[in-house]
Amino acid sequence: MSKKPQTFNVTMDRKKNPALRQQMGELRGGMIEAAERNHLPERFIESQHPHRPAVRIMDQETGRITTVPLFAYGEVRKALNDLYGPPKMTVEQQFAVLKLPMLVEGDGFRAVGVRSPFEDDDVMYRIEVDGIDGGELGVARIEIRGPKKYAVLTQEGFIAEEKSLKLAMQSVELDVMPDLRSSGPRP
C-alpha cells in the first residue's frame, strides 16, 4: 500500500482548476519530502510560505527568519546541517567504523584512505605511485560502495567491481599498473 503524498498548495493556486491544483500540490509536496531527507538542526523551525512556493526558516537562537524558494530548500537544509549539526566523523574515524586500514601497500603503489571528492560523507582509496602526479584522484581510485563492493576506477573510467579490498588491490596491480609501467616516467 503506497503512502499518500504530502501536498503543498499556496494562495496563487486557488485560481487553477482542482485537478491541476492537486497535481501541483503533490509535486511541491514531493519536493518537500525529498528535502526533508537532509537533517535540519533543532535550533531551526520551518513553516510553509502561504503565498508562494517557498519555506520560511527561523533560527530560534537569533530570532532571524529567511525565506527559501522551494527549489533550493533541500540544499539549504543540507548547508545548515553542515554548519550547525553534529560534527562529522574524520576520515580516520570512518575507516575505523568500516574496519579498514588507512594505508595499504601494493607492488609499486599504495592505496591511501581519503574523503571522496564526489560524495560528502563517503571515503575512498586514492592510488598513488611514486614519481607520478595523479592529482586529487590519484592515478586510480578504489571507491567503497557498500559492504563487499569495491569499485576500481581510473581517470579514463571503470575497471572492475570486487568483493574485497584485497581483490580490488589485485585489480589495480593487474589492470592499472601495467599501463602505468609501460608508459614510462612522466614529467
Foldseek 3Di string as FASTA:
>chain_A
DDDDFAFDAAPVLPVPDPVVRRVNRRVLSVLVVVLVVQAADPQKDKDADRHAQWIWIARNVVRDIDIGHSVCSSVVRNVNCPVPNDDADAQVVVCVVVVHDQWDDDDQWIWGWDADPPDRNFIWTAIAGPQDPQDPRHQWIWGCPDQQWTWIAGPVGTQDTGRDPVVNSVSCVPPPVVVVVVVPGDD
